[in-house]
Amino acid sequence: MSRVGNAPISIPNGVKIEFDDESVVVSGPKGKLTQRRVEFVGFNQDGDVFSVSRDNDTRQVRANHGLMRSLVSNMVTGVTNGFSKKLEIRGVGYRASVSGSKLTMNLGYSHPIVFAIPSGVDIKVDKNTFLIVSGIDKQQVGQVAANIRSYRKPDHYKGKGVRYVDEYVRLKAGKTS
């Protein structure tokens, strides 16, 4: 059984947590995040320690207890340090560039792919082939990185495509004659 929900969250200097019956609001030096509260889960704050409690021990409430604790912990980390995902583009002629709030990628198709960068997420391009997706919301950063990767997933024969920097793609052997 997981004990994630019982672990306390230490609140660093400059971070403020406000909660009521409906939501939790975490604000810090990088911004402000809001999360809806799940049923049968309560909050408690003693100085610089924040804890999450549950009302009963049913299976779903126990799962939601750990979920809310993880979400609040990620919100605290996001408003202090932020989150980032690094992507790499591999392939001859494959490249990316950012202009304003649009990411333009050439990924071997007959047309360039234009991706509208959502608010709250920042994308930087380094050497035309390395992308850094960063922001304060962990879920949003991961979703944007996954959406960019979905335009051209890594090919298992040549290794071309968009991949995470630490991702390993096992290459298959092609046809032999």
C-alpha atoms as a PDB file:
ATOM      1  CA  MET A   1       0.000   0.000   0.000  1.00  0.00           C
ATOM      2  CA  SER A   2       1.341   3.436  -0.900  1.00  0.00           C
ATOM      3  CA  ARG A   3       2.057   5.948   1.826  1.00  0.00           C
ATOM      4  CA  VAL A   4       2.500   8.932  -0.490  1.00  0.00           C
ATOM      5  CA  GLY A   5      -0.517  10.795   0.859  1.00  0.00           C
ATOM      6  CA  ASN A   6       0.772  10.748   4.446  1.00  0.00           C
ATOM      7  CA  ALA A   7       4.097  12.443   3.659  1.00  0.00           C
ATOM      8  CA  PRO A   8       4.147  16.142   4.617  1.00  0.00           C
ATOM      9  CA  ILE A   9       5.043  18.846   2.095  1.00  0.00           C
ATOM     10  CA  SER A  10       7.556  21.450   3.233  1.00  0.00           C
ATOM     11  CA  ILE A  11       6.738  24.941   1.999  1.00  0.00           C
ATOM     12  CA  PRO A  12       9.779  26.987   0.923  1.00  0.00           C
ATOM     13  CA  ASN A  13      10.121  30.720   1.570  1.00  0.00           C
ATOM     14  CA  GLY A  14       8.103  32.866  -0.825  1.00  0.00           C
ATOM     15  CA  VAL A  15       5.427  30.216  -1.445  1.00  0.00           C
ATOM     16  CA  LYS A  16       1.898  30.747  -0.181  1.00  0.00           C
ATOM     17  CA  ILE A  17      -0.791  28.042  -0.085  1.00  0.00           C
ATOM     18  CA  GLU A  18      -4.459  28.953   0.254  1.00  0.00           C
ATOM     19  CA  PHE A  19      -7.234  26.376   0.374  1.00  0.00           C
ATOM     20  CA  ASP A  20     -10.975  26.203   0.883  1.00  0.00           C
ATOM     21  CA  ASP A  21     -13.727  23.628   0.340  1.00  0.00           C
ATOM     22  CA  GLU A  22     -13.385  23.717  -3.442  1.00  0.00           C
ATOM     23  CA  SER A  23      -9.767  24.323  -4.429  1.00  0.00           C
ATOM     24  CA  VAL A  24      -6.109  24.792  -3.509  1.00  0.00           C
ATOM     25  CA  VAL A  25      -4.175  27.848  -4.744  1.00  0.00           C
ATOM     26  CA  VAL A  26      -0.365  27.839  -4.639  1.00  0.00           C
ATOM     27  CA  SER A  27       1.427  31.078  -5.476  1.00  0.00           C
ATOM     28  CA  GLY A  28       5.158  31.686  -5.580  1.00  0.00           C
ATOM     29  CA  PRO A  29       7.910  33.584  -7.352  1.00  0.00           C
ATOM     30  CA  LYS A  30       7.219  32.019 -10.780  1.00  0.00           C
ATOM     31  CA  GLY A  31       3.419  32.281 -10.774  1.00  0.00           C
ATOM     32  CA  LYS A  32       0.166  30.959  -9.420  1.00  0.00           C
ATOM     33  CA  LEU A  33      -1.487  27.538  -9.840  1.00  0.00           C
ATOM     34  CA  THR A  34      -4.995  26.353  -8.907  1.00  0.00           C
ATOM     35  CA  GLN A  35      -6.257  22.792  -8.422  1.00  0.00           C
ATOM     36  CA  ARG A  36      -9.770  21.574  -7.633  1.00  0.00           C
ATOM     37  CA  ARG A  37     -10.119  19.653  -4.376  1.00  0.00           C
ATOM     38  CA  VAL A  38     -11.173  16.013  -4.541  1.00  0.00           C
ATOM     39  CA  GLU A  39     -14.056  14.775  -2.367  1.00  0.00           C
ATOM     40  CA  PHE A  40     -13.299  13.299   1.088  1.00  0.00           C
ATOM     41  CA  VAL A  41      -9.770  14.774   1.145  1.00  0.00           C
ATOM     42  CA  GLY A  42      -8.843  17.532   3.597  1.00  0.00           C
ATOM     43  CA  PHE A  43      -5.915  19.927   4.014  1.00  0.00           C
ATOM     44  CA  ASN A  44      -3.972  21.194   7.007  1.00  0.00           C
ATOM     45  CA  GLN A  45      -1.165  23.746   7.272  1.00  0.00           C
ATOM     46  CA  ASP A  46       1.117  24.184  10.297  1.00  0.00           C
ATOM     47  CA  GLY A  47       3.652  26.933   9.643  1.00  0.00           C
ATOM     48  CA  ASP A  48       5.807  25.785   6.750  1.00  0.00           C
ATOM     49  CA  VAL A  49       4.442  22.216   6.639  1.00  0.00           C
ATOM     50  CA  PHE A  50       1.394  21.299   4.536  1.00  0.00           C
ATOM     51  CA  SER A  51      -0.354  17.963   4.904  1.00  0.00           C
ATOM     52  CA  VAL A  52      -3.223  16.147   3.198  1.00  0.00           C
ATOM     53  CA  SER A  53      -5.695  13.949   5.100  1.00  0.00           C
ATOM     54  CA  ARG A  54      -8.579  11.667   4.148  1.00  0.00           C
ATOM     55  CA  ASP A  55     -12.002  11.168   5.704  1.00  0.00           C
ATOM     56  CA  ASN A  56     -12.372   7.400   5.224  1.00  0.00           C
ATOM     57  CA  ASP A  57     -10.419   4.373   4.001  1.00  0.00           C
ATOM     58  CA  THR A  58     -12.276   3.280   0.883  1.00  0.00           C
ATOM     59  CA  ARG A  59     -10.132   2.343  -2.086  1.00  0.00           C
ATOM     60  CA  GLN A  60     -11.007   5.410  -4.180  1.00  0.00           C
ATOM     61  CA  VAL A  61     -10.485   7.856  -1.302  1.00  0.00           C
ATOM     62  CA  ARG A  62      -7.067   6.334  -0.551  1.00  0.00           C
ATOM     63  CA  ALA A  63      -6.116   6.764  -4.219  1.00  0.00           C
ATOM     64  CA  ASN A  64      -7.368  10.365  -4.253  1.00  0.00           C
ATOM     65  CA  HIS A  65      -5.443  11.057  -1.034  1.00  0.00           C
ATOM     66  CA  GLY A  66      -2.109  10.220  -2.674  1.00  0.00           C
ATOM     67  CA  LEU A  67      -3.145  11.990  -5.870  1.00  0.00           C
ATOM     68  CA  MET A  68      -3.937  15.279  -4.122  1.00  0.00           C
ATOM     69  CA  ARG A  69      -0.697  15.146  -2.158  1.00  0.00           C
ATOM     70  CA  SER A  70       1.306  14.619  -5.381  1.00  0.00           C
ATOM     71  CA  LEU A  71      -0.565  17.392  -7.194  1.00  0.00           C
ATOM     72  CA  VAL A  72       0.039  19.918  -4.414  1.00  0.00           C
ATOM     73  CA  SER A  73       3.701  18.885  -4.165  1.00  0.00           C
ATOM     74  CA  ASN A  74       4.112  19.372  -7.927  1.00  0.00           C
ATOM     75  CA  MET A  75       2.433  22.769  -7.671  1.00  0.00           C
ATOM     76  CA  VAL A  76       4.890  23.854  -4.958  1.00  0.00           C
ATOM     77  CA  THR A  77       7.835  22.653  -7.061  1.00  0.00           C
ATOM     78  CA  GLY A  78       6.414  24.359 -10.158  1.00  0.00           C
ATOM     79  CA  VAL A  79       6.015  27.813  -8.612  1.00  0.00           C
ATOM     80  CA  THR A  80       9.537  27.660  -7.128  1.00  0.00           C
ATOM     81  CA  ASN A  81      11.698  25.887  -9.739  1.00  0.00           C
ATOM     82  CA  GLY A  82       9.439  25.108 -12.692  1.00  0.00           C
ATOM     83  CA  PHE A  83       9.505  22.037 -14.907  1.00  0.00           C
ATOM     84  CA  SER A  84      11.143  21.351 -18.258  1.00  0.00           C
ATOM     85  CA  LYS A  85      11.254  18.638 -20.892  1.00  0.00           C
ATOM     86  CA  LYS A  86      14.004  18.376 -23.490  1.00  0.00           C
ATOM     87  CA  LEU A  87      13.311  17.093 -26.985  1.00  0.00           C
ATOM     88  CA  GLU A  88      15.712  16.254 -29.786  1.00  0.00           C
ATOM     89  CA  ILE A  89      14.951  16.263 -33.511  1.00  0.00           C
ATOM     90  CA  ARG A  90      16.915  13.744 -35.583  1.00  0.00           C
ATOM     91  CA  GLY A  91      16.857  13.443 -39.346  1.00  0.00           C
ATOM     92  CA  VAL A  92      18.348  15.046 -42.430  1.00  0.00           C
ATOM     93  CA  GLY A  93      16.652  18.395 -42.985  1.00  0.00           C
ATOM     94  CA  TYR A  94      14.589  18.129 -39.807  1.00  0.00           C
ATOM     95  CA  ARG A  95      14.647  21.405 -37.864  1.00  0.00           C
ATOM     96  CA  ALA A  96      12.560  23.738 -35.731  1.00  0.00           C
ATOM     97  CA  SER A  97      12.302  27.459 -35.086  1.00  0.00           C
ATOM     98  CA  VAL A  98      10.259  29.698 -32.802  1.00  0.00           C
ATOM     99  CA  SER A  99       8.800  33.005 -33.937  1.00  0.00           C
ATOM    100  CA  GLY A 100       6.488  34.780 -31.534  1.00  0.00           C
ATOM    101  CA  SER A 101       4.003  32.280 -30.150  1.00  0.00           C
ATOM    102  CA  LYS A 102       4.413  29.734 -32.955  1.00  0.00           C
ATOM    103  CA  LEU A 103       6.769  26.791 -33.275  1.00  0.00           C
ATOM    104  CA  THR A 104       7.519  25.864 -36.881  1.00  0.00           C
ATOM    105  CA  MET A 105       8.936  22.392 -37.548  1.00  0.00           C
ATOM    106  CA  ASN A 106      10.168  20.771 -40.745  1.00  0.00           C
ATOM    107  CA  LEU A 107       9.875  17.039 -40.133  1.00  0.00           C
ATOM    108  CA  GLY A 108      10.122  15.505 -43.583  1.00  0.00           C
ATOM    109  CA  TYR A 109       6.567  16.191 -44.678  1.00  0.00           C
ATOM    110  CA  SER A 110       5.688  18.210 -47.778  1.00  0.00           C
ATOM    111  CA  HIS A 111       4.643  21.122 -45.562  1.00  0.00           C
ATOM    112  CA  PRO A 112       5.994  22.714 -42.382  1.00  0.00           C
ATOM    113  CA  ILE A 113       4.138  21.997 -39.161  1.00  0.00           C
ATOM    114  CA  VAL A 114       3.062  25.100 -37.235  1.00  0.00           C
ATOM    115  CA  PHE A 115       2.379  24.504 -33.535  1.00  0.00           C
ATOM    116  CA  ALA A 116       0.698  27.260 -31.497  1.00  0.00           C
ATOM    117  CA  ILE A 117       2.492  27.556 -28.151  1.00  0.00           C
ATOM    118  CA  PRO A 118      -0.096  27.674 -25.339  1.00  0.00           C
ATOM    119  CA  SER A 119       0.097  30.338 -22.647  1.00  0.00           C
ATOM    120  CA  GLY A 120       2.019  29.263 -19.565  1.00  0.00           C
ATOM    121  CA  VAL A 121       4.551  27.277 -21.604  1.00  0.00           C
ATOM    122  CA  ASP A 122       7.841  28.541 -23.005  1.00  0.00           C
ATOM    123  CA  ILE A 123       9.681  26.782 -25.840  1.00  0.00           C
ATOM    124  CA  LYS A 124      13.310  27.469 -26.703  1.00  0.00           C
ATOM    125  CA  VAL A 125      15.138  26.070 -29.721  1.00  0.00           C
ATOM    126  CA  ASP A 126      18.874  25.399 -29.550  1.00  0.00           C
ATOM    127  CA  LYS A 127      20.926  24.582 -32.692  1.00  0.00           C
ATOM    128  CA  ASN A 128      17.699  24.037 -34.715  1.00  0.00           C
ATOM    129  CA  THR A 129      17.373  20.486 -33.370  1.00  0.00           C
ATOM    130  CA  PHE A 130      17.027  20.738 -29.573  1.00  0.00           C
ATOM    131  CA  LEU A 131      13.793  21.944 -27.983  1.00  0.00           C
ATOM    132  CA  ILE A 132      13.341  22.871 -24.332  1.00  0.00           C
ATOM    133  CA  VAL A 133       9.710  23.011 -23.191  1.00  0.00           C
ATOM    134  CA  SER A 134       9.391  24.712 -19.795  1.00  0.00           C
ATOM    135  CA  GLY A 135       6.682  26.080 -17.512  1.00  0.00           C
ATOM    136  CA  ILE A 136       5.259  25.922 -14.000  1.00  0.00           C
ATOM    137  CA  ASP A 137       2.490  23.350 -14.593  1.00  0.00           C
ATOM    138  CA  LYS A 138       3.978  19.836 -14.800  1.00  0.00           C
ATOM    139  CA  GLN A 139       0.965  18.361 -16.602  1.00  0.00           C
ATOM    140  CA  GLN A 140       0.864  21.116 -19.219  1.00  0.00           C
ATOM    141  CA  VAL A 141       4.611  20.927 -19.914  1.00  0.00           C
ATOM    142  CA  GLY A 142       4.440  17.149 -20.348  1.00  0.00           C
ATOM    143  CA  GLN A 143       1.376  17.357 -22.591  1.00  0.00           C
ATOM    144  CA  VAL A 144       2.926  19.995 -24.860  1.00  0.00           C
ATOM    145  CA  ALA A 145       6.114  17.907 -25.162  1.00  0.00           C
ATOM    146  CA  ALA A 146       4.040  14.807 -25.986  1.00  0.00           C
ATOM    147  CA  ASN A 147       2.034  16.738 -28.595  1.00  0.00           C
ATOM    148  CA  ILE A 148       5.232  17.950 -30.295  1.00  0.00           C
ATOM    149  CA  ARG A 149       6.668  14.416 -30.250  1.00  0.00           C
ATOM    150  CA  SER A 150       3.467  13.014 -31.774  1.00  0.00           C
ATOM    151  CA  TYR A 151       4.014  14.903 -35.054  1.00  0.00           C
ATOM    152  CA  ARG A 152       6.890  12.549 -35.942  1.00  0.00           C
ATOM    153  CA  LYS A 153       7.570   9.753 -33.479  1.00  0.00           C
ATOM    154  CA  PRO A 154      11.018   8.130 -33.706  1.00  0.00           C
ATOM    155  CA  ASP A 155      11.330   5.644 -36.539  1.00  0.00           C
ATOM    156  CA  HIS A 156      12.504   2.201 -35.411  1.00  0.00           C
ATOM    157  CA  TYR A 157      14.482   1.555 -38.590  1.00  0.00           C
ATOM    158  CA  LYS A 158      16.533   4.755 -39.024  1.00  0.00           C
ATOM    159  CA  GLY A 159      15.942   6.565 -35.721  1.00  0.00           C
ATOM    160  CA  LYS A 160      14.575   9.689 -37.397  1.00  0.00           C
ATOM    161  CA  GLY A 161      11.943  11.804 -35.664  1.00  0.00           C
ATOM    162  CA  VAL A 162      11.279  13.760 -32.485  1.00  0.00           C
ATOM    163  CA  ARG A 163      12.349  12.087 -29.241  1.00  0.00           C
ATOM    164  CA  TYR A 164      13.010  12.977 -25.636  1.00  0.00           C
ATOM    165  CA  VAL A 165      16.709  13.604 -24.952  1.00  0.00           C
ATOM    166  CA  ASP A 166      17.011  10.654 -22.551  1.00  0.00           C
ATOM    167  CA  GLU A 167      14.832   8.330 -24.655  1.00  0.00           C
ATOM    168  CA  TYR A 168      16.379   5.176 -26.058  1.00  0.00           C
ATOM    169  CA  VAL A 169      15.028   3.966 -29.388  1.00  0.00           C
ATOM    170  CA  ARG A 170      15.991   0.404 -30.261  1.00  0.00           C
ATOM    171  CA  LEU A 171      16.675   0.172 -33.975  1.00  0.00           C
ATOM    172  CA  LYS A 172      15.404  -2.845 -35.878  1.00  0.00           C
ATOM    173  CA  ALA A 173      17.345  -4.593 -38.592  1.00  0.00           C
ATOM    174  CA  GLY A 174      16.010  -3.861 -42.045  1.00  0.00           C
ATOM    175  CA  LYS A 175      15.534  -6.245 -44.930  1.00  0.00           C
ATOM    176  CA  THR A 176      18.512  -8.224 -46.076  1.00  0.00           C
ATOM    177  CA  SER A 177      19.032  -9.449 -49.602  1.00  0.00           C
END
